[in-house]
Amino acid sequence: MIKPSILDNKLILEVEGFDKLWTLKSRLEFNINHVKNVRIEKLSSFKGYQGIRSPGTSIPHVIRAGTFIQNNKKVFWDVHKAEEVVVLELDDEAFKELVIEINDPEGFVTKLQEKLG
């Protein structure tokens, strides 16, 4: 799971627990101005959307975590069994999209959208 925070002009995503092992990341940090879009989606809308692990962990119906190449773009995943995920689209970053599971997706999306103006 991801613990998000916003500090000044930075979006900080702390990878928690064993997800550090599965994603091979402990923290992601982005300039908030590079966030092009943020939304909540049903996880079911990603069925069949696999891509190539590079590196990452993927066990169907259990976990999808790490870096994946999907539709010629680098996508970061950290999702276990969430029904809803937060999707962030980024510009000028190595990752073009993030699909993450967090505790309060509605609260986070609202806060980030307010910060983005």
N, C-alpha and C. Protein backbone atom coordinates (compact mmCIF):
# COMPACT_ATOMS: atom_id res chain seq x y z
N MET A 1 0.85 -1.18 0.00
CA MET A 1 0.00 0.00 0.00
C MET A 1 0.89 1.24 0.00
N ILE A 2 0.33 2.31 -0.46
CA ILE A 2 1.05 3.58 -0.58
C ILE A 2 0.50 4.58 0.44
N LYS A 3 1.41 5.30 1.07
CA LYS A 3 1.03 6.40 1.95
C LYS A 3 1.42 7.70 1.24
N PRO A 4 0.41 8.45 0.73
CA PRO A 4 0.73 9.67 -0.02
C PRO A 4 0.81 10.90 0.88
N SER A 5 1.60 11.86 0.47
CA SER A 5 1.63 13.16 1.14
C SER A 5 2.03 14.22 0.12
N ILE A 6 1.66 15.44 0.45
CA ILE A 6 2.01 16.58 -0.39
C ILE A 6 2.79 17.54 0.49
N LEU A 7 4.00 17.86 0.05
CA LEU A 7 4.86 18.76 0.81
C LEU A 7 5.39 19.81 -0.15
N ASP A 8 4.98 21.04 0.10
CA ASP A 8 5.33 22.15 -0.79
C ASP A 8 4.89 21.81 -2.21
N ASN A 9 5.82 21.67 -3.12
CA ASN A 9 5.51 21.42 -4.52
C ASN A 9 5.79 19.97 -4.91
N LYS A 10 5.87 19.08 -3.91
CA LYS A 10 6.22 17.68 -4.15
C LYS A 10 5.08 16.74 -3.76
N LEU A 11 4.85 15.76 -4.60
CA LEU A 11 3.96 14.65 -4.29
C LEU A 11 4.87 13.50 -3.86
N ILE A 12 4.71 13.06 -2.63
CA ILE A 12 5.56 12.00 -2.07
C ILE A 12 4.70 10.78 -1.82
N LEU A 13 5.14 9.65 -2.35
CA LEU A 13 4.42 8.38 -2.19
C LEU A 13 5.35 7.40 -1.49
N GLU A 14 5.05 7.11 -0.23
CA GLU A 14 5.84 6.17 0.57
C GLU A 14 5.28 4.77 0.39
N VAL A 15 6.11 3.85 -0.05
CA VAL A 15 5.70 2.46 -0.20
C VAL A 15 5.86 1.80 1.16
N GLU A 16 4.81 1.14 1.61
CA GLU A 16 4.80 0.60 2.98
C GLU A 16 4.96 -0.92 3.01
N GLY A 17 5.53 -1.40 4.11
CA GLY A 17 5.60 -2.83 4.40
C GLY A 17 6.35 -3.65 3.35
N PHE A 18 5.83 -4.86 3.11
CA PHE A 18 6.46 -5.76 2.15
C PHE A 18 6.32 -5.26 0.72
N ASP A 19 5.48 -4.26 0.50
CA ASP A 19 5.35 -3.72 -0.85
C ASP A 19 6.67 -3.15 -1.35
N LYS A 20 7.55 -2.76 -0.42
CA LYS A 20 8.88 -2.30 -0.82
C LYS A 20 9.63 -3.41 -1.55
N LEU A 21 9.44 -4.63 -1.08
CA LEU A 21 10.07 -5.78 -1.71
C LEU A 21 9.43 -6.08 -3.07
N TRP A 22 8.11 -6.06 -3.11
CA TRP A 22 7.39 -6.42 -4.34
C TRP A 22 7.60 -5.37 -5.44
N THR A 23 7.67 -4.10 -5.07
CA THR A 23 7.80 -3.03 -6.07
C THR A 23 9.25 -2.66 -6.36
N LEU A 24 10.14 -3.07 -5.46
CA LEU A 24 11.55 -2.68 -5.52
C LEU A 24 11.72 -1.17 -5.39
N LYS A 25 10.80 -0.55 -4.68
CA LYS A 25 10.84 0.89 -4.41
C LYS A 25 10.43 1.11 -2.96
N SER A 26 10.95 2.17 -2.35
CA SER A 26 10.50 2.53 -1.01
C SER A 26 9.82 3.89 -1.01
N ARG A 27 10.12 4.69 -2.04
CA ARG A 27 9.56 6.04 -2.09
C ARG A 27 9.59 6.54 -3.52
N LEU A 28 8.52 7.21 -3.91
CA LEU A 28 8.45 7.90 -5.20
C LEU A 28 8.17 9.36 -4.92
N GLU A 29 8.84 10.23 -5.63
CA GLU A 29 8.66 11.66 -5.42
C GLU A 29 8.57 12.35 -6.77
N PHE A 30 7.55 13.22 -6.91
CA PHE A 30 7.32 13.90 -8.18
C PHE A 30 7.02 15.37 -7.93
N ASN A 31 7.39 16.20 -8.87
CA ASN A 31 6.97 17.59 -8.85
C ASN A 31 5.46 17.61 -9.08
N ILE A 32 4.73 18.29 -8.24
CA ILE A 32 3.27 18.28 -8.33
C ILE A 32 2.77 18.86 -9.66
N ASN A 33 3.56 19.74 -10.26
CA ASN A 33 3.18 20.32 -11.55
C ASN A 33 3.28 19.32 -12.69
N HIS A 34 3.89 18.17 -12.45
CA HIS A 34 3.99 17.13 -13.47
C HIS A 34 2.78 16.19 -13.46
N VAL A 35 1.88 16.37 -12.50
CA VAL A 35 0.66 15.56 -12.45
C VAL A 35 -0.33 16.15 -13.46
N LYS A 36 -0.59 15.39 -14.50
CA LYS A 36 -1.47 15.83 -15.58
C LYS A 36 -2.94 15.55 -15.25
N ASN A 37 -3.18 14.43 -14.56
CA ASN A 37 -4.54 14.03 -14.24
C ASN A 37 -4.51 13.07 -13.06
N VAL A 38 -5.54 13.12 -12.23
CA VAL A 38 -5.69 12.16 -11.14
C VAL A 38 -7.17 11.77 -11.07
N ARG A 39 -7.42 10.48 -10.89
CA ARG A 39 -8.79 9.99 -10.86
C ARG A 39 -8.85 8.68 -10.09
N ILE A 40 -10.07 8.33 -9.72
CA ILE A 40 -10.33 7.03 -9.08
C ILE A 40 -10.98 6.14 -10.13
N GLU A 41 -10.51 4.90 -10.20
CA GLU A 41 -11.08 3.94 -11.14
C GLU A 41 -11.37 2.63 -10.42
N LYS A 42 -12.32 1.92 -10.95
CA LYS A 42 -12.59 0.56 -10.47
C LYS A 42 -11.46 -0.34 -10.97
N LEU A 43 -10.93 -1.15 -10.11
CA LEU A 43 -9.85 -2.04 -10.49
C LEU A 43 -10.29 -2.98 -11.61
N SER A 44 -11.56 -3.33 -11.63
CA SER A 44 -12.07 -4.24 -12.67
C SER A 44 -11.88 -3.67 -14.07
N SER A 45 -11.73 -2.36 -14.21
CA SER A 45 -11.56 -1.76 -15.53
C SER A 45 -10.18 -2.07 -16.11
N PHE A 46 -9.27 -2.66 -15.31
CA PHE A 46 -7.93 -2.97 -15.77
C PHE A 46 -7.77 -4.45 -16.14
N LYS A 47 -8.82 -5.23 -16.13
CA LYS A 47 -8.71 -6.65 -16.46
C LYS A 47 -8.14 -6.80 -17.87
N GLY A 48 -7.20 -7.69 -18.02
CA GLY A 48 -6.58 -7.94 -19.31
C GLY A 48 -5.52 -6.91 -19.68
N TYR A 49 -5.27 -5.95 -18.81
CA TYR A 49 -4.33 -4.86 -19.06
C TYR A 49 -3.00 -5.23 -18.42
N GLN A 50 -2.27 -6.17 -19.00
CA GLN A 50 -1.12 -6.76 -18.32
C GLN A 50 0.19 -6.03 -18.56
N GLY A 51 0.66 -5.96 -19.77
CA GLY A 51 1.95 -5.35 -20.03
C GLY A 51 3.09 -6.29 -19.66
N ILE A 52 4.30 -5.75 -19.67
CA ILE A 52 5.50 -6.53 -19.40
C ILE A 52 6.09 -6.08 -18.06
N ARG A 53 6.33 -7.02 -17.15
CA ARG A 53 6.96 -6.69 -15.86
C ARG A 53 8.39 -6.25 -16.11
N SER A 54 8.80 -5.17 -15.41
CA SER A 54 10.12 -4.64 -15.73
C SER A 54 10.71 -3.78 -14.61
N PRO A 55 11.10 -4.17 -13.47
CA PRO A 55 10.78 -5.40 -12.75
C PRO A 55 9.53 -5.20 -11.89
N GLY A 56 8.91 -6.28 -11.53
CA GLY A 56 7.71 -6.18 -10.72
C GLY A 56 7.21 -7.55 -10.31
N THR A 57 6.09 -7.54 -9.63
CA THR A 57 5.45 -8.75 -9.12
C THR A 57 4.02 -8.77 -9.61
N SER A 58 3.61 -9.90 -10.15
CA SER A 58 2.23 -10.01 -10.62
C SER A 58 1.72 -11.42 -10.35
N ILE A 59 0.77 -11.50 -9.44
CA ILE A 59 0.08 -12.75 -9.15
C ILE A 59 -1.41 -12.44 -9.33
N PRO A 60 -2.04 -12.99 -10.37
CA PRO A 60 -3.44 -12.65 -10.66
C PRO A 60 -4.35 -12.78 -9.44
N HIS A 61 -5.17 -11.76 -9.23
CA HIS A 61 -6.15 -11.68 -8.14
C HIS A 61 -5.51 -11.56 -6.75
N VAL A 62 -4.18 -11.34 -6.69
CA VAL A 62 -3.50 -11.23 -5.40
C VAL A 62 -2.73 -9.91 -5.31
N ILE A 63 -1.80 -9.69 -6.24
CA ILE A 63 -0.97 -8.49 -6.19
C ILE A 63 -0.45 -8.15 -7.58
N ARG A 64 -0.33 -6.87 -7.81
CA ARG A 64 0.34 -6.34 -9.01
C ARG A 64 1.15 -5.15 -8.50
N ALA A 65 2.47 -5.29 -8.52
CA ALA A 65 3.32 -4.27 -7.90
C ALA A 65 4.63 -4.14 -8.67
N GLY A 66 5.05 -2.90 -8.84
CA GLY A 66 6.33 -2.64 -9.49
C GLY A 66 6.16 -1.90 -10.79
N THR A 67 7.15 -2.05 -11.65
CA THR A 67 7.19 -1.35 -12.93
C THR A 67 6.73 -2.27 -14.04
N PHE A 68 5.87 -1.75 -14.89
CA PHE A 68 5.35 -2.49 -16.03
C PHE A 68 5.40 -1.59 -17.26
N ILE A 69 5.68 -2.20 -18.40
CA ILE A 69 5.63 -1.48 -19.67
C ILE A 69 4.29 -1.83 -20.32
N GLN A 70 3.44 -0.82 -20.46
CA GLN A 70 2.10 -1.02 -21.00
C GLN A 70 1.84 0.03 -22.06
N ASN A 71 1.46 -0.40 -23.24
CA ASN A 71 1.20 0.52 -24.35
C ASN A 71 2.37 1.47 -24.57
N ASN A 72 3.58 0.93 -24.54
CA ASN A 72 4.82 1.69 -24.77
C ASN A 72 5.06 2.79 -23.75
N LYS A 73 4.53 2.65 -22.56
CA LYS A 73 4.82 3.62 -21.50
C LYS A 73 5.11 2.88 -20.20
N LYS A 74 5.90 3.53 -19.36
CA LYS A 74 6.30 2.96 -18.08
C LYS A 74 5.23 3.28 -17.04
N VAL A 75 4.67 2.24 -16.40
CA VAL A 75 3.58 2.38 -15.44
C VAL A 75 4.00 1.73 -14.12
N PHE A 76 3.79 2.46 -13.01
CA PHE A 76 4.05 1.92 -11.68
C PHE A 76 2.75 1.44 -11.07
N TRP A 77 2.74 0.22 -10.55
CA TRP A 77 1.58 -0.36 -9.88
C TRP A 77 1.94 -0.69 -8.43
N ASP A 78 0.97 -0.50 -7.54
CA ASP A 78 1.04 -1.08 -6.19
C ASP A 78 -0.40 -1.30 -5.74
N VAL A 79 -0.92 -2.48 -6.10
CA VAL A 79 -2.32 -2.81 -5.83
C VAL A 79 -2.41 -4.26 -5.37
N HIS A 80 -3.19 -4.46 -4.30
CA HIS A 80 -3.46 -5.82 -3.84
C HIS A 80 -4.88 -6.19 -4.26
N LYS A 81 -5.82 -6.03 -3.38
CA LYS A 81 -7.19 -6.45 -3.67
C LYS A 81 -8.18 -5.30 -3.59
N ALA A 82 -7.73 -4.11 -3.87
CA ALA A 82 -8.61 -2.94 -3.79
C ALA A 82 -9.69 -3.00 -4.86
N GLU A 83 -10.86 -2.49 -4.51
CA GLU A 83 -11.91 -2.37 -5.52
C GLU A 83 -11.72 -1.10 -6.33
N GLU A 84 -11.19 -0.06 -5.67
CA GLU A 84 -10.93 1.20 -6.34
C GLU A 84 -9.45 1.54 -6.20
N VAL A 85 -8.90 2.10 -7.27
CA VAL A 85 -7.49 2.52 -7.26
C VAL A 85 -7.40 3.98 -7.69
N VAL A 86 -6.31 4.61 -7.31
CA VAL A 86 -6.03 5.97 -7.77
C VAL A 86 -5.09 5.86 -8.96
N VAL A 87 -5.45 6.56 -10.02
CA VAL A 87 -4.63 6.58 -11.24
C VAL A 87 -4.11 8.01 -11.42
N LEU A 88 -2.80 8.13 -11.49
CA LEU A 88 -2.16 9.42 -11.73
C LEU A 88 -1.48 9.37 -13.08
N GLU A 89 -1.74 10.36 -13.92
CA GLU A 89 -1.05 10.50 -15.19
C GLU A 89 -0.02 11.61 -15.04
N LEU A 90 1.20 11.35 -15.50
CA LEU A 90 2.31 12.28 -15.29
C LEU A 90 2.94 12.73 -16.61
N ASP A 91 3.47 13.93 -16.61
CA ASP A 91 4.28 14.47 -17.70
C ASP A 91 5.69 14.66 -17.19
N ASP A 92 6.66 14.58 -18.08
CA ASP A 92 8.06 14.87 -17.76
C ASP A 92 8.61 14.04 -16.61
N GLU A 93 8.17 12.80 -16.50
CA GLU A 93 8.66 11.87 -15.48
C GLU A 93 8.94 10.52 -16.15
N ALA A 94 9.77 9.70 -15.52
CA ALA A 94 10.05 8.37 -16.06
C ALA A 94 8.77 7.53 -16.13
N PHE A 95 7.97 7.58 -15.06
CA PHE A 95 6.68 6.89 -15.08
C PHE A 95 5.65 7.82 -15.72
N LYS A 96 4.89 7.29 -16.64
CA LYS A 96 3.83 8.08 -17.29
C LYS A 96 2.49 7.89 -16.59
N GLU A 97 2.39 6.82 -15.80
CA GLU A 97 1.15 6.55 -15.08
C GLU A 97 1.46 5.78 -13.81
N LEU A 98 0.68 6.05 -12.76
CA LEU A 98 0.76 5.31 -11.52
C LEU A 98 -0.62 4.75 -11.22
N VAL A 99 -0.69 3.49 -10.83
CA VAL A 99 -1.94 2.87 -10.41
C VAL A 99 -1.67 2.35 -9.01
N ILE A 100 -2.30 3.01 -8.01
CA ILE A 100 -1.94 2.72 -6.62
C ILE A 100 -3.17 2.52 -5.75
N GLU A 101 -2.95 1.76 -4.70
CA GLU A 101 -3.97 1.52 -3.68
C GLU A 101 -3.58 2.34 -2.44
N ILE A 102 -4.52 3.16 -1.97
CA ILE A 102 -4.29 3.94 -0.76
C ILE A 102 -5.52 3.84 0.13
N ASN A 103 -5.38 4.21 1.40
CA ASN A 103 -6.47 4.09 2.37
C ASN A 103 -7.68 4.96 2.07
N ASP A 104 -7.47 6.19 1.70
CA ASP A 104 -8.57 7.14 1.49
C ASP A 104 -8.47 7.74 0.08
N PRO A 105 -8.85 6.98 -0.95
CA PRO A 105 -8.67 7.49 -2.30
C PRO A 105 -9.44 8.78 -2.58
N GLU A 106 -10.67 8.88 -2.08
CA GLU A 106 -11.48 10.09 -2.34
C GLU A 106 -10.84 11.32 -1.71
N GLY A 107 -10.40 11.19 -0.46
CA GLY A 107 -9.77 12.31 0.23
C GLY A 107 -8.48 12.74 -0.44
N PHE A 108 -7.68 11.78 -0.85
CA PHE A 108 -6.42 12.10 -1.51
C PHE A 108 -6.65 12.79 -2.86
N VAL A 109 -7.55 12.25 -3.66
CA VAL A 109 -7.82 12.84 -4.98
C VAL A 109 -8.35 14.26 -4.83
N THR A 110 -9.25 14.48 -3.88
CA THR A 110 -9.78 15.82 -3.64
C THR A 110 -8.68 16.78 -3.24
N LYS A 111 -7.83 16.36 -2.31
CA LYS A 111 -6.73 17.22 -1.84
C LYS A 111 -5.76 17.53 -2.98
N LEU A 112 -5.42 16.54 -3.79
CA LEU A 112 -4.49 16.76 -4.89
C LEU A 112 -5.10 17.67 -5.95
N GLN A 113 -6.38 17.47 -6.27
CA GLN A 113 -7.03 18.32 -7.26
C GLN A 113 -7.10 19.77 -6.78
N GLU A 114 -7.33 19.99 -5.50
CA GLU A 114 -7.31 21.35 -4.95
C GLU A 114 -5.93 21.98 -5.08
N LYS A 115 -4.89 21.19 -4.81
CA LYS A 115 -3.51 21.69 -4.91
C LYS A 115 -3.16 22.02 -6.37
N LEU A 116 -3.69 21.22 -7.29
CA LEU A 116 -3.41 21.44 -8.72
C LEU A 116 -4.17 22.64 -9.27
N GLY A 117 -5.25 23.01 -8.57
CA GLY A 117 -6.04 24.16 -9.00
C GLY A 117 -6.99 23.77 -10.06
